Every structure is written in C-alpha cells, then in structure tokens.
PDB file of N, CA and C in Angstrom:
ATOM      1  N   MET A   1     115.845  91.866  93.612  1.00  0.00           N
ATOM      2  CA  MET A   1     115.545  90.937  92.542  1.00  0.00           C
ATOM      3  C   MET A   1     114.621  89.844  93.063  1.00  0.00           C
ATOM      4  N   ASP A   2     113.485  89.665  92.403  1.00  0.00           N
ATOM      5  CA  ASP A   2     112.514  88.648  92.796  1.00  0.00           C
ATOM      6  C   ASP A   2     112.891  87.311  92.176  1.00  0.00           C
ATOM      7  N   VAL A   3     113.063  86.312  93.031  1.00  0.00           N
ATOM      8  CA  VAL A   3     113.405  84.980  92.557  1.00  0.00           C
ATOM      9  C   VAL A   3     112.395  83.997  93.127  1.00  0.00           C
ATOM     10  N   LEU A   4     111.817  83.203  92.261  1.00  0.00           N
ATOM     11  CA  LEU A   4     110.869  82.180  92.655  1.00  0.00           C
ATOM     12  C   LEU A   4     111.391  80.838  92.173  1.00  0.00           C
ATOM     13  N   HIS A   5     111.355  79.855  93.052  1.00  0.00           N
ATOM     14  CA  HIS A   5     111.773  78.498  92.700  1.00  0.00           C
ATOM     15  C   HIS A   5     110.554  77.596  92.788  1.00  0.00           C
ATOM     16  N   LEU A   6     110.252  76.905  91.700  1.00  0.00           N
ATOM     17  CA  LEU A   6     109.128  75.977  91.657  1.00  0.00           C
ATOM     18  C   LEU A   6     109.611  74.629  91.164  1.00  0.00           C
ATOM     19  N   SER A   7     109.173  73.572  91.835  1.00  0.00           N
ATOM     20  CA  SER A   7     109.450  72.222  91.346  1.00  0.00           C
ATOM     21  C   SER A   7     108.237  71.363  91.670  1.00  0.00           C
ATOM     22  N   THR A   8     108.064  70.327  90.877  1.00  0.00           N
ATOM     23  CA  THR A   8     106.917  69.443  91.083  1.00  0.00           C
ATOM     24  C   THR A   8     107.380  68.000  91.196  1.00  0.00           C
ATOM     25  N   GLU A   9     106.571  67.247  91.902  1.00  0.00           N
ATOM     26  CA  GLU A   9     106.822  65.816  92.064  1.00  0.00           C
ATOM     27  C   GLU A   9     105.473  65.133  92.233  1.00  0.00           C
ATOM     28  N   HIS A  10     105.256  64.100  91.463  1.00  0.00           N
ATOM     29  CA  HIS A  10     104.010  63.357  91.585  1.00  0.00           C
ATOM     30  C   HIS A  10     104.204  62.300  92.664  1.00  0.00           C
ATOM     31  N   VAL A  11     103.353  62.342  93.675  1.00  0.00           N
ATOM     32  CA  VAL A  11     103.492  61.450  94.824  1.00  0.00           C
ATOM     33  C   VAL A  11     102.232  60.631  95.014  1.00  0.00           C
ATOM     34  N   ASP A  12     102.348  59.518  95.622  1.00  0.00           N
ATOM     35  CA  ASP A  12     101.288  58.591  96.012  1.00  0.00           C
ATOM     36  C   ASP A  12     100.304  58.236  94.896  1.00  0.00           C
ATOM     37  N   GLY A  13     100.679  58.481  93.645  1.00  0.00           N
ATOM     38  CA  GLY A  13      99.819  58.126  92.531  1.00  0.00           C
ATOM     39  C   GLY A  13      98.595  59.013  92.375  1.00  0.00           C
ATOM     40  N   VAL A  14      98.399  59.950  93.274  1.00  0.00           N
ATOM     41  CA  VAL A  14      97.206  60.792  93.235  1.00  0.00           C
ATOM     42  C   VAL A  14      97.544  62.276  93.299  1.00  0.00           C
ATOM     43  N   SER A  15      98.443  62.643  94.178  1.00  0.00           N
ATOM     44  CA  SER A  15      98.739  64.047  94.447  1.00  0.00           C
ATOM     45  C   SER A  15      99.986  64.527  93.707  1.00  0.00           C
ATOM     46  N   THR A  16     100.025  65.832  93.495  1.00  0.00           N
ATOM     47  CA  THR A  16     101.206  66.470  92.938  1.00  0.00           C
ATOM     48  C   THR A  16     101.732  67.452  93.970  1.00  0.00           C
ATOM     49  N   LEU A  17     102.972  67.255  94.365  1.00  0.00           N
ATOM     50  CA  LEU A  17     103.641  68.137  95.310  1.00  0.00           C
ATOM     51  C   LEU A  17     104.303  69.259  94.520  1.00  0.00           C
ATOM     52  N   VAL A  18     103.988  70.489  94.895  1.00  0.00           N
ATOM     53  CA  VAL A  18     104.597  71.661  94.273  1.00  0.00           C
ATOM     54  C   VAL A  18     105.407  72.358  95.354  1.00  0.00           C
ATOM     55  N   ARG A  19     106.724  72.363  95.192  1.00  0.00           N
ATOM     56  CA  ARG A  19     107.592  73.065  96.139  1.00  0.00           C
ATOM     57  C   ARG A  19     107.718  74.519  95.684  1.00  0.00           C
ATOM     58  N   VAL A  20     107.384  75.426  96.596  1.00  0.00           N
ATOM     59  CA  VAL A  20     107.415  76.852  96.301  1.00  0.00           C
ATOM     60  C   VAL A  20     108.487  77.468  97.188  1.00  0.00           C
ATOM     61  N   GLY A  21     109.513  78.041  96.576  1.00  0.00           N
ATOM     62  CA  GLY A  21     110.596  78.647  97.339  1.00  0.00           C
ATOM     63  C   GLY A  21     110.930  80.024  96.820  1.00  0.00           C
ATOM     64  N   GLY A  22     111.556  80.812  97.670  1.00  0.00           N
ATOM     65  CA  GLY A  22     111.936  82.162  97.283  1.00  0.00           C
ATOM     66  C   GLY A  22     110.808  83.136  97.530  1.00  0.00           C
ATOM     67  N   GLU A  23     110.596  84.048  96.578  1.00  0.00           N
ATOM     68  CA  GLU A  23     109.632  85.130  96.739  1.00  0.00           C
ATOM     69  C   GLU A  23     108.434  84.945  95.812  1.00  0.00           C
ATOM     70  N   LEU A  24     107.243  84.998  96.403  1.00  0.00           N
ATOM     71  CA  LEU A  24     106.004  84.927  95.635  1.00  0.00           C
ATOM     72  C   LEU A  24     105.312  86.279  95.785  1.00  0.00           C
ATOM     73  N   ASP A  25     105.438  87.096  94.741  1.00  0.00           N
ATOM     74  CA  ASP A  25     104.913  88.456  94.788  1.00  0.00           C
ATOM     75  C   ASP A  25     104.348  88.820  93.421  1.00  0.00           C
ATOM     76  N   ALA A  26     104.032  90.092  93.236  1.00  0.00           N
ATOM     77  CA  ALA A  26     103.407  90.536  91.990  1.00  0.00           C
ATOM     78  C   ALA A  26     104.247  90.188  90.762  1.00  0.00           C
ATOM     79  N   ALA A  27     105.560  90.195  90.903  1.00  0.00           N
ATOM     80  CA  ALA A  27     106.435  89.913  89.764  1.00  0.00           C
ATOM     81  C   ALA A  27     106.534  88.422  89.450  1.00  0.00           C
ATOM     82  N   THR A  28     106.407  87.570  90.477  1.00  0.00           N
ATOM     83  CA  THR A  28     106.633  86.135  90.273  1.00  0.00           C
ATOM     84  C   THR A  28     105.353  85.304  90.266  1.00  0.00           C
ATOM     85  N   THR A  29     104.253  85.866  90.723  1.00  0.00           N
ATOM     86  CA  THR A  29     102.998  85.116  90.785  1.00  0.00           C
ATOM     87  C   THR A  29     102.555  84.565  89.426  1.00  0.00           C
ATOM     88  N   PRO A  30     102.738  85.298  88.314  1.00  0.00           N
ATOM     89  CA  PRO A  30     102.321  84.725  87.030  1.00  0.00           C
ATOM     90  C   PRO A  30     102.957  83.364  86.727  1.00  0.00           C
ATOM     91  N   ALA A  31     104.208  83.167  87.090  1.00  0.00           N
ATOM     92  CA  ALA A  31     104.862  81.866  86.853  1.00  0.00           C
ATOM     93  C   ALA A  31     104.201  80.782  87.693  1.00  0.00           C
ATOM     94  N   PHE A  32     103.869  81.101  88.945  1.00  0.00           N
ATOM     95  CA  PHE A  32     103.178  80.145  89.814  1.00  0.00           C
ATOM     96  C   PHE A  32     101.808  79.805  89.227  1.00  0.00           C
ATOM     97  N   GLU A  33     101.059  80.824  88.827  1.00  0.00           N
ATOM     98  CA  GLU A  33      99.727  80.596  88.274  1.00  0.00           C
ATOM     99  C   GLU A  33      99.785  79.792  86.983  1.00  0.00           C
ATOM    100  N   GLN A  34     100.799  80.026  86.162  1.00  0.00           N
ATOM    101  CA  GLN A  34     100.960  79.269  84.922  1.00  0.00           C
ATOM    102  C   GLN A  34     101.215  77.796  85.230  1.00  0.00           C
ATOM    103  N   LEU A  35     102.077  77.523  86.209  1.00  0.00           N
ATOM    104  CA  LEU A  35     102.366  76.140  86.579  1.00  0.00           C
ATOM    105  C   LEU A  35     101.102  75.444  87.082  1.00  0.00           C
ATOM    106  N   VAL A  36     100.358  76.102  87.951  1.00  0.00           N
ATOM    107  CA  VAL A  36      99.115  75.521  88.463  1.00  0.00           C
ATOM    108  C   VAL A  36      98.156  75.220  87.305  1.00  0.00           C
ATOM    109  N   GLY A  37      98.029  76.158  86.392  1.00  0.00           N
ATOM    110  CA  GLY A  37      97.154  75.948  85.234  1.00  0.00           C
ATOM    111  C   GLY A  37      97.582  74.766  84.387  1.00  0.00           C
ATOM    112  N   GLU A  38      98.891  74.636  84.159  1.00  0.00           N
ATOM    113  CA  GLU A  38      99.401  73.508  83.372  1.00  0.00           C
ATOM    114  C   GLU A  38      99.126  72.184  84.076  1.00  0.00           C
ATOM    115  N   LEU A  39      99.372  72.147  85.388  1.00  0.00           N
ATOM    116  CA  LEU A  39      99.113  70.909  86.133  1.00  0.00           C
ATOM    117  C   LEU A  39      97.638  70.522  86.065  1.00  0.00           C
ATOM    118  N   LEU A  40      96.767  71.480  86.280  1.00  0.00           N
ATOM    119  CA  LEU A  40      95.334  71.186  86.253  1.00  0.00           C
ATOM    120  C   LEU A  40      94.879  70.760  84.862  1.00  0.00           C
ATOM    121  N   SER A  41      95.434  71.372  83.827  1.00  0.00           N
ATOM    122  CA  SER A  41      95.039  71.009  82.460  1.00  0.00           C
ATOM    123  C   SER A  41      95.479  69.595  82.100  1.00  0.00           C
ATOM    124  N   ARG A  42      96.504  69.096  82.797  1.00  0.00           N
ATOM    125  CA  ARG A  42      96.981  67.725  82.570  1.00  0.00           C
ATOM    126  C   ARG A  42      96.287  66.719  83.489  1.00  0.00           C
ATOM    127  N   GLY A  43      95.310  67.190  84.259  1.00  0.00           N
ATOM    128  CA  GLY A  43      94.552  66.281  85.124  1.00  0.00           C
ATOM    129  C   GLY A  43      95.130  66.100  86.512  1.00  0.00           C
ATOM    130  N   HIS A  44      96.155  66.869  86.861  1.00  0.00           N
ATOM    131  CA  HIS A  44      96.737  66.807  88.207  1.00  0.00           C
ATOM    132  C   HIS A  44      95.959  67.788  89.086  1.00  0.00           C
ATOM    133  N   ASN A  45      94.848  67.308  89.635  1.00  0.00           N
ATOM    134  CA  ASN A  45      93.953  68.221  90.337  1.00  0.00           C
ATOM    135  C   ASN A  45      94.025  68.133  91.862  1.00  0.00           C
ATOM    136  N   ARG A  46      94.907  67.318  92.386  1.00  0.00           N
ATOM    137  CA  ARG A  46      95.128  67.266  93.833  1.00  0.00           C
ATOM    138  C   ARG A  46      96.529  67.808  94.099  1.00  0.00           C
ATOM    139  N   LEU A  47      96.565  69.068  94.492  1.00  0.00           N
ATOM    140  CA  LEU A  47      97.836  69.768  94.634  1.00  0.00           C
ATOM    141  C   LEU A  47      98.182  69.968  96.101  1.00  0.00           C
ATOM    142  N   VAL A  48      99.438  69.714  96.429  1.00  0.00           N
ATOM    143  CA  VAL A  48      99.979  69.983  97.758  1.00  0.00           C
ATOM    144  C   VAL A  48     101.103  70.998  97.558  1.00  0.00           C
ATOM    145  N   LEU A  49     100.933  72.193  98.121  1.00  0.00           N
ATOM    146  CA  LEU A  49     101.952  73.227  98.003  1.00  0.00           C
ATOM    147  C   LEU A  49     102.843  73.190  99.232  1.00  0.00           C
ATOM    148  N   ASP A  50     104.100  72.840  99.042  1.00  0.00           N
ATOM    149  CA  ASP A  50     105.083  72.838 100.128  1.00  0.00           C
ATOM    150  C   ASP A  50     105.736  74.210 100.151  1.00  0.00           C
ATOM    151  N   LEU A  51     105.442  74.983 101.201  1.00  0.00           N
ATOM    152  CA  LEU A  51     105.916  76.353 101.293  1.00  0.00           C
ATOM    153  C   LEU A  51     107.144  76.498 102.183  1.00  0.00           C
ATOM    154  N   GLY A  52     107.787  75.401 102.520  1.00  0.00           N
ATOM    155  CA  GLY A  52     108.930  75.426 103.422  1.00  0.00           C
ATOM    156  C   GLY A  52     110.062  76.326 102.961  1.00  0.00           C
ATOM    157  N   GLY A  53     110.213  76.533 101.671  1.00  0.00           N
ATOM    158  CA  GLY A  53     111.284  77.370 101.149  1.00  0.00           C
ATOM    159  C   GLY A  53     110.855  78.785 100.809  1.00  0.00           C
ATOM    160  N   LEU A  54     109.609  79.131 101.133  1.00  0.00           N
ATOM    161  CA  LEU A  54     109.101  80.460 100.824  1.00  0.00           C
ATOM    162  C   LEU A  54     109.720  81.488 101.773  1.00  0.00           C
ATOM    163  N   THR A  55     110.357  82.498 101.213  1.00  0.00           N
ATOM    164  CA  THR A  55     111.013  83.523 102.043  1.00  0.00           C
ATOM    165  C   THR A  55     110.238  84.825 102.094  1.00  0.00           C
ATOM    166  N   PHE A  56     109.351  85.052 101.111  1.00  0.00           N
ATOM    167  CA  PHE A  56     108.568  86.286 101.078  1.00  0.00           C
ATOM    168  C   PHE A  56     107.298  86.037 100.298  1.00  0.00           C
ATOM    169  N   ILE A  57     106.198  86.646 100.759  1.00  0.00           N
ATOM    170  CA  ILE A  57     104.943  86.598 100.019  1.00  0.00           C
ATOM    171  C   ILE A  57     104.217  87.914 100.246  1.00  0.00           C
ATOM    172  N   ASP A  58     103.582  88.420  99.188  1.00  0.00           N
ATOM    173  CA  ASP A  58     102.772  89.618  99.337  1.00  0.00           C
ATOM    174  C   ASP A  58     101.307  89.254  99.082  1.00  0.00           C
ATOM    175  N   SER A  59     100.457  90.257  99.049  1.00  0.00           N
ATOM    176  CA  SER A  59      99.027  89.995  98.893  1.00  0.00           C
ATOM    177  C   SER A  59      98.704  89.318  97.560  1.00  0.00           C
ATOM    178  N   THR A  60      99.501  89.600  96.532  1.00  0.00           N
ATOM    179  CA  THR A  60      99.298  88.947  95.243  1.00  0.00           C
ATOM    180  C   THR A  60      99.548  87.449  95.361  1.00  0.00           C
ATOM    181  N   GLY A  61     100.601  87.090  96.078  1.00  0.00           N
ATOM    182  CA  GLY A  61     100.909  85.683  96.293  1.00  0.00           C
ATOM    183  C   GLY A  61      99.832  84.982  97.097  1.00  0.00           C
ATOM    184  N   ILE A  62      99.371  85.630  98.166  1.00  0.00           N
ATOM    185  CA  ILE A  62      98.288  85.060  98.979  1.00  0.00           C
ATOM    186  C   ILE A  62      97.051  84.854  98.101  1.00  0.00           C
ATOM    187  N   GLY A  63      96.743  85.862  97.294  1.00  0.00           N
ATOM    188  CA  GLY A  63      95.593  85.743  96.390  1.00  0.00           C
ATOM    189  C   GLY A  63      95.737  84.609  95.397  1.00  0.00           C
ATOM    190  N   SER A  64      96.987  84.336  94.987  1.00  0.00           N
ATOM    191  CA  SER A  64      97.201  83.245  94.033  1.00  0.00           C
ATOM    192  C   SER A  64      96.906  81.887  94.665  1.00  0.00           C
ATOM    193  N   PHE A  65      97.086  81.769  95.986  1.00  0.00           N
ATOM    194  CA  PHE A  65      96.710  80.524  96.671  1.00  0.00           C
ATOM    195  C   PHE A  65      95.200  80.321  96.623  1.00  0.00           C
ATOM    196  N   VAL A  66      94.457  81.396  96.854  1.00  0.00           N
ATOM    197  CA  VAL A  66      92.996  81.307  96.797  1.00  0.00           C
ATOM    198  C   VAL A  66      92.551  80.958  95.377  1.00  0.00           C
ATOM    199  N   GLY A  67      93.166  81.614  94.392  1.00  0.00           N
ATOM    200  CA  GLY A  67      92.835  81.305  93.004  1.00  0.00           C
ATOM    201  C   GLY A  67      93.157  79.870  92.634  1.00  0.00           C
ATOM    202  N   ALA A  68      94.309  79.369  93.094  1.00  0.00           N
ATOM    203  CA  ALA A  68      94.695  77.983  92.814  1.00  0.00           C
ATOM    204  C   ALA A  68      93.722  77.013  93.478  1.00  0.00           C
ATOM    205  N   ARG A  69      93.319  77.325  94.703  1.00  0.00           N
ATOM    206  CA  ARG A  69      92.339  76.489  95.397  1.00  0.00           C
ATOM    207  C   ARG A  69      91.035  76.440  94.609  1.00  0.00           C
ATOM    208  N   ASN A  70      90.567  77.597  94.164  1.00  0.00           N
ATOM    209  CA  ASN A  70      89.314  77.648  93.416  1.00  0.00           C
ATOM    210  C   ASN A  70      89.415  76.901  92.097  1.00  0.00           C
ATOM    211  N   ARG A  71      90.539  77.037  91.417  1.00  0.00           N
ATOM    212  CA  ARG A  71      90.726  76.323  90.152  1.00  0.00           C
ATOM    213  C   ARG A  71      90.795  74.815  90.378  1.00  0.00           C
ATOM    214  N   ALA A  72      91.492  74.399  91.437  1.00  0.00           N
ATOM    215  CA  ALA A  72      91.575  72.962  91.742  1.00  0.00           C
ATOM    216  C   ALA A  72      90.193  72.407  92.073  1.00  0.00           C
ATOM    217  N   ARG A  73      89.443  73.127  92.879  1.00  0.00           N
ATOM    218  CA  ARG A  73      88.091  72.670  93.229  1.00  0.00           C
ATOM    219  C   ARG A  73      87.198  72.626  91.997  1.00  0.00           C
ATOM    220  N   GLY A  74      87.383  73.591  91.082  1.00  0.00           N
ATOM    221  CA  GLY A  74      86.617  73.590  89.839  1.00  0.00           C
ATOM    222  C   GLY A  74      86.931  72.389  88.964  1.00  0.00           C
ATOM    223  N   ALA A  75      88.103  71.794  89.177  1.00  0.00           N
ATOM    224  CA  ALA A  75      88.519  70.594  88.449  1.00  0.00           C
ATOM    225  C   ALA A  75      88.273  69.345  89.300  1.00  0.00           C
ATOM    226  N   TYR A  76      87.386  69.469  90.294  1.00  0.00           N
ATOM    227  CA  TYR A  76      87.038  68.374  91.209  1.00  0.00           C
ATOM    228  C   TYR A  76      88.253  67.856  91.970  1.00  0.00           C
ATOM    229  N   GLY A  77      89.127  68.776  92.340  1.00  0.00           N
ATOM    230  CA  GLY A  77      90.331  68.421  93.069  1.00  0.00           C
ATOM    231  C   GLY A  77      90.423  69.180  94.377  1.00  0.00           C
ATOM    232  N   SER A  78      91.651  69.349  94.828  1.00  0.00           N
ATOM    233  CA  SER A  78      91.879  70.017  96.106  1.00  0.00           C
ATOM    234  C   SER A  78      93.255  70.671  96.108  1.00  0.00           C
ATOM    235  N   LEU A  79      93.432  71.555  97.078  1.00  0.00           N
ATOM    236  CA  LEU A  79      94.715  72.213  97.274  1.00  0.00           C
ATOM    237  C   LEU A  79      94.986  72.251  98.773  1.00  0.00           C
ATOM    238  N   VAL A  80      96.178  71.813  99.158  1.00  0.00           N
ATOM    239  CA  VAL A  80      96.588  71.791 100.556  1.00  0.00           C
ATOM    240  C   VAL A  80      97.917  72.525 100.669  1.00  0.00           C
ATOM    241  N   LEU A  81      98.051  73.363 101.692  1.00  0.00           N
ATOM    242  CA  LEU A  81      99.320  74.024 101.975  1.00  0.00           C
ATOM    243  C   LEU A  81     100.062  73.221 103.024  1.00  0.00           C
ATOM    244  N   ARG A  82     101.357  73.020 102.816  1.00  0.00           N
ATOM    245  CA  ARG A  82     102.184  72.232 103.728  1.00  0.00           C
ATOM    246  C   ARG A  82     103.434  73.041 104.091  1.00  0.00           C
ATOM    247  N   SER A  83     103.966  72.795 105.284  1.00  0.00           N
ATOM    248  CA  SER A  83     105.205  73.449 105.741  1.00  0.00           C
ATOM    249  C   SER A  83     105.111  74.970 105.618  1.00  0.00           C
ATOM    250  N   VAL A  84     104.027  75.503 106.135  1.00  0.00           N
ATOM    251  CA  VAL A  84     103.763  76.937 106.035  1.00  0.00           C
ATOM    252  C   VAL A  84     104.652  77.682 107.039  1.00  0.00           C
ATOM    253  N   PRO A  85     105.485  78.614 106.560  1.00  0.00           N
ATOM    254  CA  PRO A  85     106.305  79.403 107.486  1.00  0.00           C
ATOM    255  C   PRO A  85     105.436  80.188 108.469  1.00  0.00           C
ATOM    256  N   ASP A  86     105.943  80.409 109.665  1.00  0.00           N
ATOM    257  CA  ASP A  86     105.172  81.088 110.711  1.00  0.00           C
ATOM    258  C   ASP A  86     104.617  82.432 110.258  1.00  0.00           C
ATOM    259  N   ARG A  87     105.409  83.211 109.565  1.00  0.00           N
ATOM    260  CA  ARG A  87     104.934  84.540 109.133  1.00  0.00           C
ATOM    261  C   ARG A  87     103.789  84.427 108.139  1.00  0.00           C
ATOM    262  N   VAL A  88     103.849  83.453 107.268  1.00  0.00           N
ATOM    263  CA  VAL A  88     102.759  83.240 106.308  1.00  0.00           C
ATOM    264  C   VAL A  88     101.523  82.742 107.049  1.00  0.00           C
ATOM    265  N   ALA A  89     101.703  81.837 108.005  1.00  0.00           N
ATOM    266  CA  ALA A  89     100.582  81.346 108.810  1.00  0.00           C
ATOM    267  C   ALA A  89      99.906  82.494 109.548  1.00  0.00           C
ATOM    268  N   ALA A  90     100.706  83.422 110.041  1.00  0.00           N
ATOM    269  CA  ALA A  90     100.150  84.580 110.754  1.00  0.00           C
ATOM    270  C   ALA A  90      99.300  85.431 109.819  1.00  0.00           C
ATOM    271  N   VAL A  91      99.787  85.663 108.606  1.00  0.00           N
ATOM    272  CA  VAL A  91      99.020  86.449 107.634  1.00  0.00           C
ATOM    273  C   VAL A  91      97.722  85.729 107.288  1.00  0.00           C
ATOM    274  N   LEU A  92      97.788  84.431 107.053  1.00  0.00           N
ATOM    275  CA  LEU A  92      96.577  83.671 106.746  1.00  0.00           C
ATOM    276  C   LEU A  92      95.553  83.782 107.867  1.00  0.00           C
ATOM    277  N   ALA A  93      96.026  83.737 109.105  1.00  0.00           N
ATOM    278  CA  ALA A  93      95.123  83.841 110.253  1.00  0.00           C
ATOM    279  C   ALA A  93      94.506  85.231 110.343  1.00  0.00           C
ATOM    280  N   VAL A  94      95.308  86.266 110.144  1.00  0.00           N
ATOM    281  CA  VAL A  94      94.810  87.637 110.260  1.00  0.00           C
ATOM    282  C   VAL A  94      93.731  87.932 109.216  1.00  0.00           C
ATOM    283  N   VAL A  95      93.939  87.454 107.998  1.00  0.00           N
ATOM    284  CA  VAL A  95      92.969  87.748 106.939  1.00  0.00           C
ATOM    285  C   VAL A  95      91.854  86.699 106.851  1.00  0.00           C
ATOM    286  N   GLY A  96      91.880  85.720 107.745  1.00  0.00           N
ATOM    287  CA  GLY A  96      90.808  84.731 107.812  1.00  0.00           C
ATOM    288  C   GLY A  96      90.895  83.611 106.791  1.00  0.00           C
ATOM    289  N   LEU A  97      92.029  83.484 106.121  1.00  0.00           N
ATOM    290  CA  LEU A  97      92.160  82.433 105.116  1.00  0.00           C
ATOM    291  C   LEU A  97      92.582  81.093 105.700  1.00  0.00           C
ATOM    292  N   ASP A  98      92.976  81.077 106.978  1.00  0.00           N
ATOM    293  CA  ASP A  98      93.305  79.798 107.597  1.00  0.00           C
ATOM    294  C   ASP A  98      92.058  78.929 107.727  1.00  0.00           C
ATOM    295  N   GLY A  99      90.885  79.530 107.616  1.00  0.00           N
ATOM    296  CA  GLY A  99      89.641  78.774 107.615  1.00  0.00           C
ATOM    297  C   GLY A  99      89.130  78.469 106.223  1.00  0.00           C
ATOM    298  N   VAL A 100      89.766  79.042 105.203  1.00  0.00           N
ATOM    299  CA  VAL A 100      89.365  78.839 103.816  1.00  0.00           C
ATOM    300  C   VAL A 100      90.308  77.874 103.112  1.00  0.00           C
ATOM    301  N   LEU A 101      91.609  78.112 103.288  1.00  0.00           N
ATOM    302  CA  LEU A 101      92.619  77.249 102.686  1.00  0.00           C
ATOM    303  C   LEU A 101      92.919  76.089 103.621  1.00  0.00           C
ATOM    304  N   GLU A 102      93.035  74.899 103.063  1.00  0.00           N
ATOM    305  CA  GLU A 102      93.396  73.746 103.881  1.00  0.00           C
ATOM    306  C   GLU A 102      94.898  73.783 104.143  1.00  0.00           C
ATOM    307  N   VAL A 103      95.247  73.767 105.415  1.00  0.00           N
ATOM    308  CA  VAL A 103      96.652  73.875 105.803  1.00  0.00           C
ATOM    309  C   VAL A 103      97.020  72.682 106.666  1.00  0.00           C
ATOM    310  N   GLU A 104      98.026  71.950 106.225  1.00  0.00           N
ATOM    311  CA  GLU A 104      98.557  70.842 107.009  1.00  0.00           C
ATOM    312  C   GLU A 104      99.408  71.370 108.138  1.00  0.00           C
ATOM    313  N   ALA A 105      99.175  70.921 109.333  1.00  0.00           N
ATOM    314  CA  ALA A 105      99.994  71.256 110.503  1.00  0.00           C
ATOM    315  C   ALA A 105     100.250  72.742 110.629  1.00  0.00           C
ATOM    316  N   LEU A 106      99.182  73.519 110.513  1.00  0.00           N
ATOM    317  CA  LEU A 106      99.315  74.960 110.669  1.00  0.00           C
ATOM    318  C   LEU A 106      99.661  75.278 112.104  1.00  0.00           C
ATOM    319  N   ASN A 107     100.713  76.037 112.291  1.00  0.00           N
ATOM    320  CA  ASN A 107     101.071  76.503 113.623  1.00  0.00           C
ATOM    321  C   ASN A 107     100.113  77.633 113.965  1.00  0.00           C
ATOM    322  N   ARG A 108      99.111  77.323 114.742  1.00  0.00           N
ATOM    323  CA  ARG A 108      98.116  78.335 115.104  1.00  0.00           C
ATOM    324  C   ARG A 108      98.771  79.416 115.948  1.00  0.00           C
ATOM    325  N   ILE A 109      98.602  80.634 115.524  1.00  0.00           N
ATOM    326  CA  ILE A 109      99.170  81.766 116.244  1.00  0.00           C
ATOM    327  C   ILE A 109      97.999  82.636 116.665  1.00  0.00           C
ATOM    328  N   ASP A 110      97.850  82.829 117.955  1.00  0.00           N
ATOM    329  CA  ASP A 110      96.731  83.656 118.384  1.00  0.00           C
ATOM    330  C   ASP A 110      97.072  85.129 118.214  1.00  0.00           C
ATOM    331  N   HIS A 111      96.059  85.957 118.253  1.00  0.00           N
ATOM    332  CA  HIS A 111      96.228  87.371 117.973  1.00  0.00           C
ATOM    333  C   HIS A 111      97.132  88.078 118.989  1.00  0.00           C
ATOM    334  N   VAL A 112      97.250  87.560 120.200  1.00  0.00           N
ATOM    335  CA  VAL A 112      98.153  88.146 121.182  1.00  0.00           C
ATOM    336  C   VAL A 112      99.588  87.998 120.684  1.00  0.00           C
ATOM    337  N   ASP A 113      99.939  86.832 120.173  1.00  0.00           N
ATOM    338  CA  ASP A 113     101.281  86.622 119.640  1.00  0.00           C
ATOM    339  C   ASP A 113     101.570  87.572 118.474  1.00  0.00           C
ATOM    340  N   LEU A 114     100.569  87.807 117.618  1.00  0.00           N
ATOM    341  CA  LEU A 114     100.772  88.677 116.475  1.00  0.00           C
ATOM    342  C   LEU A 114     101.109  90.098 116.920  1.00  0.00           C
ATOM    343  N   ALA A 115     100.486  90.538 117.989  1.00  0.00           N
ATOM    344  CA  ALA A 115     100.703  91.899 118.450  1.00  0.00           C
ATOM    345  C   ALA A 115     102.113  92.102 119.012  1.00  0.00           C
ATOM    346  N   THR A 116     102.747  91.038 119.436  1.00  0.00           N
ATOM    347  CA  THR A 116     104.072  91.165 120.034  1.00  0.00           C
ATOM    348  C   THR A 116     105.189  90.969 119.027  1.00  0.00           C
ATOM    349  N   ARG A 117     104.883  90.648 117.791  1.00  0.00           N
ATOM    350  CA  ARG A 117     105.921  90.416 116.779  1.00  0.00           C
ATOM    351  C   ARG A 117     106.312  91.677 116.083  1.00  0.00           C
TER     352      ARG A 117
END
C-alpha cells in the first residue's frame, strides 16, 4: 500500500516548507504535484521540500522534483531539497540531478561508495 504524507508550513515570511514523508511513486506523485501546483497558484513560489520522512521514491517521484523545480522557476521562484535521505542522495548523484536540483546539506556520496552498497 502506497502512503504519502504531505504537510506545509509557511516559514520566514517568504518560503513554504513542504514535508514529504512515506512513499513518493507513480501512485502517489499526483497528490504531490497537485499540492505544488496549488502552492504556486497561490503565489508561494519559494518551496523547500523536507524529505526527512521519505521512505521510498521511484523514478516518477524523482521526475516530480524536476517538474516542481521547473514550475517554481517559471513562477520566478525556487525549489530546495532539505534532509535528503542517503539513498535518495545517491540516486540524485547517479542520474546527475545533484547538479540540477538545489540540495541543502547533501551528503555527497562518491561512486566508489555506491558500488559497495
């Protein structure tokens, strides 16, 4: 059973913190994308995604981060990933998105470490 937990909090008068927990996959990504769209339509264009509670992500979920980043930038805003789990950070590094998506305190994992996991 795919379960996604999303909550938002407006912080510092400028940014919106979106806590993403549980599983972000093909079944749950539409809810995430809908929330991002609603926030952007209300003028909340500086998004910080806290991924500390994320337990699973597939390629659809990763793609939704890129889409959210592009939508935020199209609204003259930004998207930052925070508290990225090690496994997600590894995937971002392997597919080259660690250089595309802004990641706060990304635990850089070199390719040697990936081969031993």
